[in-house]
Amino acid sequence: MFGRLRTFLPFPAQARRSAESPGGGAGDGSGAPRRQHNIFEAAATYVAACADDDEDTMEEAAGWVSPEALSFGVQELACRAVIALARERDESPEAVARGLLGLPPA
C-alpha cells in the first residue's frame, strides 16, 4: 500500500511548476485567483482519489502543496485513520495497521 502511495507522489518538476506559477500555484491562467489549499485538504483529496484510482484528481491534489507537505499530510491521515479504526474495533493501533496491510498479527 505505501509503495503504491510513493509511486503516485509528485516528481520535483511538478512541485517546481506549482511554485513558479503566480501566487505559488494560485492562478489558473484566467486572472482569477484560486483558493489556497492546506496540506490536510490535499492529503484527504489525494488519498480518496488514490482509493478511487482517479489519477487526474491525485495529480491535481499533489500540485496544491509541496511533496514534503503532502507526505506529512498523508502520514497524519494514516495515523488518524488507524487510531479511529482501532477505537471502533476495540483493537490496538498496531493490530489494525497490520491487518490493513495484510500482515500477520505480531
N, C-alpha and C. Protein backbone atom coordinates (compact mmCIF):
# COMPACT_ATOMS: atom_id res chain seq x y z
N MET A 1 0.83 -1.19 0.00
CA MET A 1 0.00 0.00 0.00
C MET A 1 0.87 1.26 0.00
N PHE A 2 1.90 1.34 0.93
CA PHE A 2 2.74 2.52 0.98
C PHE A 2 3.61 2.64 -0.26
N GLY A 3 4.01 1.50 -0.81
CA GLY A 3 4.77 1.54 -2.04
C GLY A 3 3.96 2.15 -3.17
N ARG A 4 2.67 1.84 -3.18
CA ARG A 4 1.78 2.40 -4.20
C ARG A 4 1.64 3.91 -4.00
N LEU A 5 1.54 4.35 -2.74
CA LEU A 5 1.44 5.78 -2.47
C LEU A 5 2.70 6.50 -2.93
N ARG A 6 3.87 5.91 -2.66
CA ARG A 6 5.11 6.54 -3.08
C ARG A 6 5.18 6.67 -4.59
N THR A 7 4.60 5.72 -5.31
CA THR A 7 4.60 5.76 -6.76
C THR A 7 3.86 6.98 -7.29
N PHE A 8 2.81 7.40 -6.55
CA PHE A 8 1.98 8.49 -7.03
C PHE A 8 2.37 9.86 -6.50
N LEU A 9 3.38 9.93 -5.63
CA LEU A 9 3.81 11.24 -5.15
C LEU A 9 4.39 12.03 -6.31
N PRO A 10 4.20 13.35 -6.29
CA PRO A 10 4.64 14.17 -7.42
C PRO A 10 6.16 14.20 -7.55
N PHE A 11 6.60 14.35 -8.77
CA PHE A 11 8.02 14.49 -9.03
C PHE A 11 8.43 15.92 -8.74
N PRO A 12 9.72 16.17 -8.49
CA PRO A 12 10.18 17.53 -8.20
C PRO A 12 9.79 18.54 -9.27
N ALA A 13 9.73 18.13 -10.52
CA ALA A 13 9.35 19.07 -11.59
C ALA A 13 7.93 19.58 -11.37
N GLN A 14 7.03 18.75 -10.90
CA GLN A 14 5.67 19.19 -10.63
C GLN A 14 5.65 20.21 -9.50
N ALA A 15 6.44 19.98 -8.47
CA ALA A 15 6.50 20.91 -7.35
C ALA A 15 7.06 22.26 -7.80
N ARG A 16 8.10 22.22 -8.66
CA ARG A 16 8.67 23.46 -9.17
C ARG A 16 7.66 24.21 -10.01
N ARG A 17 6.92 23.50 -10.88
CA ARG A 17 5.91 24.15 -11.70
C ARG A 17 4.89 24.86 -10.84
N SER A 18 4.45 24.20 -9.78
CA SER A 18 3.47 24.79 -8.88
C SER A 18 4.03 26.02 -8.19
N ALA A 19 5.29 25.94 -7.75
CA ALA A 19 5.91 27.05 -7.04
C ALA A 19 6.20 28.22 -7.96
N GLU A 20 6.45 27.95 -9.24
CA GLU A 20 6.79 29.01 -10.18
C GLU A 20 5.58 29.78 -10.68
N SER A 21 4.39 29.21 -10.58
CA SER A 21 3.21 29.91 -11.07
C SER A 21 2.88 31.06 -10.12
N PRO A 22 2.21 32.12 -10.59
CA PRO A 22 1.91 33.27 -9.75
C PRO A 22 1.18 32.87 -8.48
N GLY A 23 1.62 33.40 -7.36
CA GLY A 23 0.97 33.10 -6.09
C GLY A 23 1.23 31.69 -5.62
N GLY A 24 2.29 31.06 -6.10
CA GLY A 24 2.59 29.70 -5.66
C GLY A 24 1.57 28.70 -6.14
N GLY A 25 1.06 28.89 -7.36
CA GLY A 25 0.07 27.96 -7.89
C GLY A 25 -1.33 28.47 -7.68
N ALA A 26 -1.49 29.75 -7.33
CA ALA A 26 -2.80 30.29 -7.00
C ALA A 26 -3.57 30.76 -8.23
N GLY A 27 -2.96 30.77 -9.40
CA GLY A 27 -3.65 31.24 -10.59
C GLY A 27 -3.92 30.12 -11.56
N ASP A 28 -4.99 30.27 -12.34
CA ASP A 28 -5.32 29.24 -13.32
C ASP A 28 -5.19 29.76 -14.74
N GLY A 29 -4.57 30.94 -14.90
CA GLY A 29 -4.39 31.50 -16.22
C GLY A 29 -5.52 32.41 -16.62
N SER A 30 -6.65 32.41 -15.89
CA SER A 30 -7.79 33.24 -16.24
C SER A 30 -7.75 34.58 -15.54
N GLY A 31 -6.77 34.80 -14.66
CA GLY A 31 -6.68 36.04 -13.91
C GLY A 31 -7.38 35.95 -12.57
N ALA A 32 -8.26 34.98 -12.41
CA ALA A 32 -8.97 34.82 -11.14
C ALA A 32 -8.12 33.96 -10.22
N PRO A 33 -7.85 34.44 -9.00
CA PRO A 33 -7.03 33.63 -8.09
C PRO A 33 -7.79 32.40 -7.60
N ARG A 34 -7.05 31.29 -7.51
CA ARG A 34 -7.62 30.05 -6.97
C ARG A 34 -7.51 30.09 -5.46
N ARG A 35 -8.38 29.37 -4.79
CA ARG A 35 -8.33 29.25 -3.35
C ARG A 35 -7.10 28.43 -2.97
N GLN A 36 -6.39 28.84 -1.93
CA GLN A 36 -5.24 28.10 -1.44
C GLN A 36 -5.72 26.88 -0.66
N HIS A 37 -5.08 25.76 -0.85
CA HIS A 37 -5.41 24.53 -0.15
C HIS A 37 -4.36 24.27 0.92
N ASN A 38 -4.79 23.67 2.04
CA ASN A 38 -3.81 23.32 3.06
C ASN A 38 -3.40 21.86 2.89
N ILE A 39 -2.41 21.45 3.67
CA ILE A 39 -1.85 20.10 3.49
C ILE A 39 -2.87 19.01 3.80
N PHE A 40 -3.78 19.29 4.72
CA PHE A 40 -4.75 18.26 5.08
C PHE A 40 -5.83 18.10 4.01
N GLU A 41 -6.22 19.20 3.38
CA GLU A 41 -7.14 19.09 2.24
C GLU A 41 -6.48 18.33 1.09
N ALA A 42 -5.23 18.65 0.83
CA ALA A 42 -4.51 17.98 -0.24
C ALA A 42 -4.38 16.49 0.06
N ALA A 43 -4.03 16.15 1.30
CA ALA A 43 -3.87 14.74 1.66
C ALA A 43 -5.19 13.99 1.57
N ALA A 44 -6.26 14.58 2.08
CA ALA A 44 -7.56 13.92 2.04
C ALA A 44 -8.01 13.68 0.61
N THR A 45 -7.85 14.69 -0.23
CA THR A 45 -8.25 14.56 -1.63
C THR A 45 -7.37 13.54 -2.35
N TYR A 46 -6.07 13.59 -2.08
CA TYR A 46 -5.12 12.69 -2.72
C TYR A 46 -5.40 11.24 -2.35
N VAL A 47 -5.59 10.96 -1.06
CA VAL A 47 -5.81 9.59 -0.62
C VAL A 47 -7.16 9.07 -1.11
N ALA A 48 -8.20 9.91 -1.07
CA ALA A 48 -9.51 9.49 -1.58
C ALA A 48 -9.43 9.19 -3.07
N ALA A 49 -8.70 10.02 -3.82
CA ALA A 49 -8.53 9.77 -5.25
C ALA A 49 -7.73 8.51 -5.50
N CYS A 50 -6.74 8.26 -4.66
CA CYS A 50 -5.95 7.04 -4.77
C CYS A 50 -6.85 5.82 -4.56
N ALA A 51 -7.71 5.89 -3.56
CA ALA A 51 -8.63 4.78 -3.27
C ALA A 51 -9.59 4.56 -4.43
N ASP A 52 -9.98 5.64 -5.11
CA ASP A 52 -10.88 5.55 -6.26
C ASP A 52 -10.15 5.32 -7.57
N ASP A 53 -8.81 5.26 -7.53
CA ASP A 53 -7.96 5.10 -8.72
C ASP A 53 -8.20 6.21 -9.73
N ASP A 54 -8.32 7.45 -9.21
CA ASP A 54 -8.57 8.65 -10.02
C ASP A 54 -7.26 9.43 -10.16
N GLU A 55 -6.49 9.09 -11.17
CA GLU A 55 -5.16 9.68 -11.33
C GLU A 55 -5.21 11.19 -11.59
N ASP A 56 -6.23 11.68 -12.29
CA ASP A 56 -6.33 13.12 -12.55
C ASP A 56 -6.47 13.91 -11.25
N THR A 57 -7.34 13.43 -10.37
CA THR A 57 -7.54 14.12 -9.09
C THR A 57 -6.31 13.97 -8.20
N MET A 58 -5.64 12.82 -8.25
CA MET A 58 -4.40 12.64 -7.48
C MET A 58 -3.37 13.68 -7.92
N GLU A 59 -3.21 13.83 -9.22
CA GLU A 59 -2.24 14.78 -9.75
C GLU A 59 -2.60 16.21 -9.37
N GLU A 60 -3.89 16.53 -9.43
CA GLU A 60 -4.35 17.88 -9.06
C GLU A 60 -4.03 18.15 -7.59
N ALA A 61 -4.42 17.24 -6.71
CA ALA A 61 -4.18 17.42 -5.28
C ALA A 61 -2.69 17.49 -4.96
N ALA A 62 -1.89 16.72 -5.67
CA ALA A 62 -0.44 16.73 -5.46
C ALA A 62 0.17 18.08 -5.82
N GLY A 63 -0.48 18.83 -6.70
CA GLY A 63 0.01 20.14 -7.08
C GLY A 63 -0.37 21.25 -6.12
N TRP A 64 -1.25 20.96 -5.18
CA TRP A 64 -1.70 22.00 -4.23
C TRP A 64 -0.65 22.36 -3.20
N VAL A 65 0.21 21.42 -2.84
CA VAL A 65 1.21 21.64 -1.80
C VAL A 65 2.52 21.00 -2.23
N SER A 66 3.58 21.24 -1.48
CA SER A 66 4.87 20.64 -1.81
C SER A 66 4.82 19.13 -1.57
N PRO A 67 5.70 18.38 -2.21
CA PRO A 67 5.73 16.92 -1.97
C PRO A 67 5.95 16.57 -0.50
N GLU A 68 6.77 17.35 0.19
CA GLU A 68 7.02 17.09 1.60
C GLU A 68 5.76 17.31 2.43
N ALA A 69 5.04 18.38 2.13
CA ALA A 69 3.80 18.68 2.85
C ALA A 69 2.75 17.60 2.58
N LEU A 70 2.66 17.16 1.33
CA LEU A 70 1.70 16.10 1.00
C LEU A 70 2.05 14.82 1.75
N SER A 71 3.32 14.49 1.80
CA SER A 71 3.76 13.30 2.52
C SER A 71 3.39 13.39 3.99
N PHE A 72 3.63 14.54 4.60
CA PHE A 72 3.27 14.74 6.00
C PHE A 72 1.76 14.60 6.18
N GLY A 73 0.97 15.20 5.29
CA GLY A 73 -0.48 15.12 5.39
C GLY A 73 -1.00 13.70 5.25
N VAL A 74 -0.43 12.95 4.31
CA VAL A 74 -0.83 11.55 4.12
C VAL A 74 -0.47 10.73 5.37
N GLN A 75 0.69 10.98 5.93
CA GLN A 75 1.10 10.28 7.14
C GLN A 75 0.15 10.60 8.30
N GLU A 76 -0.19 11.86 8.46
CA GLU A 76 -1.11 12.27 9.53
C GLU A 76 -2.49 11.65 9.33
N LEU A 77 -2.95 11.62 8.09
CA LEU A 77 -4.24 10.99 7.78
C LEU A 77 -4.21 9.50 8.11
N ALA A 78 -3.13 8.83 7.76
CA ALA A 78 -3.00 7.40 8.05
C ALA A 78 -3.03 7.16 9.56
N CYS A 79 -2.30 7.97 10.31
CA CYS A 79 -2.29 7.81 11.77
C CYS A 79 -3.68 8.00 12.36
N ARG A 80 -4.36 9.06 11.93
CA ARG A 80 -5.70 9.32 12.45
C ARG A 80 -6.69 8.23 12.06
N ALA A 81 -6.56 7.72 10.85
CA ALA A 81 -7.47 6.65 10.40
C ALA A 81 -7.24 5.37 11.20
N VAL A 82 -6.00 5.02 11.45
CA VAL A 82 -5.69 3.81 12.22
C VAL A 82 -6.19 3.96 13.65
N ILE A 83 -6.00 5.12 14.25
CA ILE A 83 -6.49 5.36 15.61
C ILE A 83 -8.01 5.24 15.66
N ALA A 84 -8.70 5.85 14.69
CA ALA A 84 -10.16 5.78 14.67
C ALA A 84 -10.65 4.35 14.49
N LEU A 85 -10.03 3.61 13.58
CA LEU A 85 -10.43 2.21 13.39
C LEU A 85 -10.12 1.36 14.62
N ALA A 86 -9.00 1.63 15.27
CA ALA A 86 -8.64 0.87 16.47
C ALA A 86 -9.66 1.10 17.57
N ARG A 87 -10.09 2.33 17.75
CA ARG A 87 -11.12 2.62 18.76
C ARG A 87 -12.44 1.96 18.39
N GLU A 88 -12.80 2.04 17.12
CA GLU A 88 -14.06 1.46 16.66
C GLU A 88 -14.07 -0.06 16.84
N ARG A 89 -12.93 -0.70 16.57
CA ARG A 89 -12.84 -2.16 16.64
C ARG A 89 -12.40 -2.66 18.01
N ASP A 90 -12.06 -1.75 18.91
CA ASP A 90 -11.53 -2.09 20.23
C ASP A 90 -10.30 -2.99 20.10
N GLU A 91 -9.39 -2.57 19.22
CA GLU A 91 -8.12 -3.27 18.98
C GLU A 91 -6.99 -2.27 19.14
N SER A 92 -5.78 -2.76 19.18
CA SER A 92 -4.62 -1.87 19.25
C SER A 92 -4.37 -1.26 17.86
N PRO A 93 -3.81 -0.05 17.82
CA PRO A 93 -3.45 0.54 16.52
C PRO A 93 -2.52 -0.36 15.71
N GLU A 94 -1.59 -1.04 16.39
CA GLU A 94 -0.67 -1.93 15.67
C GLU A 94 -1.43 -3.07 15.00
N ALA A 95 -2.39 -3.67 15.72
CA ALA A 95 -3.17 -4.77 15.15
C ALA A 95 -3.98 -4.30 13.94
N VAL A 96 -4.55 -3.11 14.03
CA VAL A 96 -5.33 -2.56 12.92
C VAL A 96 -4.42 -2.29 11.72
N ALA A 97 -3.28 -1.62 11.96
CA ALA A 97 -2.37 -1.30 10.86
C ALA A 97 -1.88 -2.57 10.17
N ARG A 98 -1.49 -3.56 10.95
CA ARG A 98 -1.02 -4.82 10.35
C ARG A 98 -2.12 -5.50 9.57
N GLY A 99 -3.34 -5.47 10.11
CA GLY A 99 -4.47 -6.08 9.41
C GLY A 99 -4.77 -5.39 8.09
N LEU A 100 -4.71 -4.05 8.09
CA LEU A 100 -4.97 -3.31 6.86
C LEU A 100 -3.93 -3.62 5.78
N LEU A 101 -2.72 -3.89 6.21
CA LEU A 101 -1.65 -4.20 5.27
C LEU A 101 -1.56 -5.70 4.95
N GLY A 102 -2.44 -6.49 5.55
CA GLY A 102 -2.43 -7.92 5.29
C GLY A 102 -1.29 -8.67 5.95
N LEU A 103 -0.75 -8.09 7.02
CA LEU A 103 0.35 -8.72 7.74
C LEU A 103 -0.19 -9.59 8.87
N PRO A 104 0.53 -10.64 9.23
CA PRO A 104 0.08 -11.46 10.36
C PRO A 104 0.19 -10.71 11.67
N PRO A 105 -0.61 -11.06 12.67
CA PRO A 105 -0.51 -10.38 13.97
C PRO A 105 0.90 -10.53 14.54
N ALA A 106 1.32 -9.50 15.25
CA ALA A 106 2.68 -9.50 15.84
C ALA A 106 2.77 -10.45 17.01
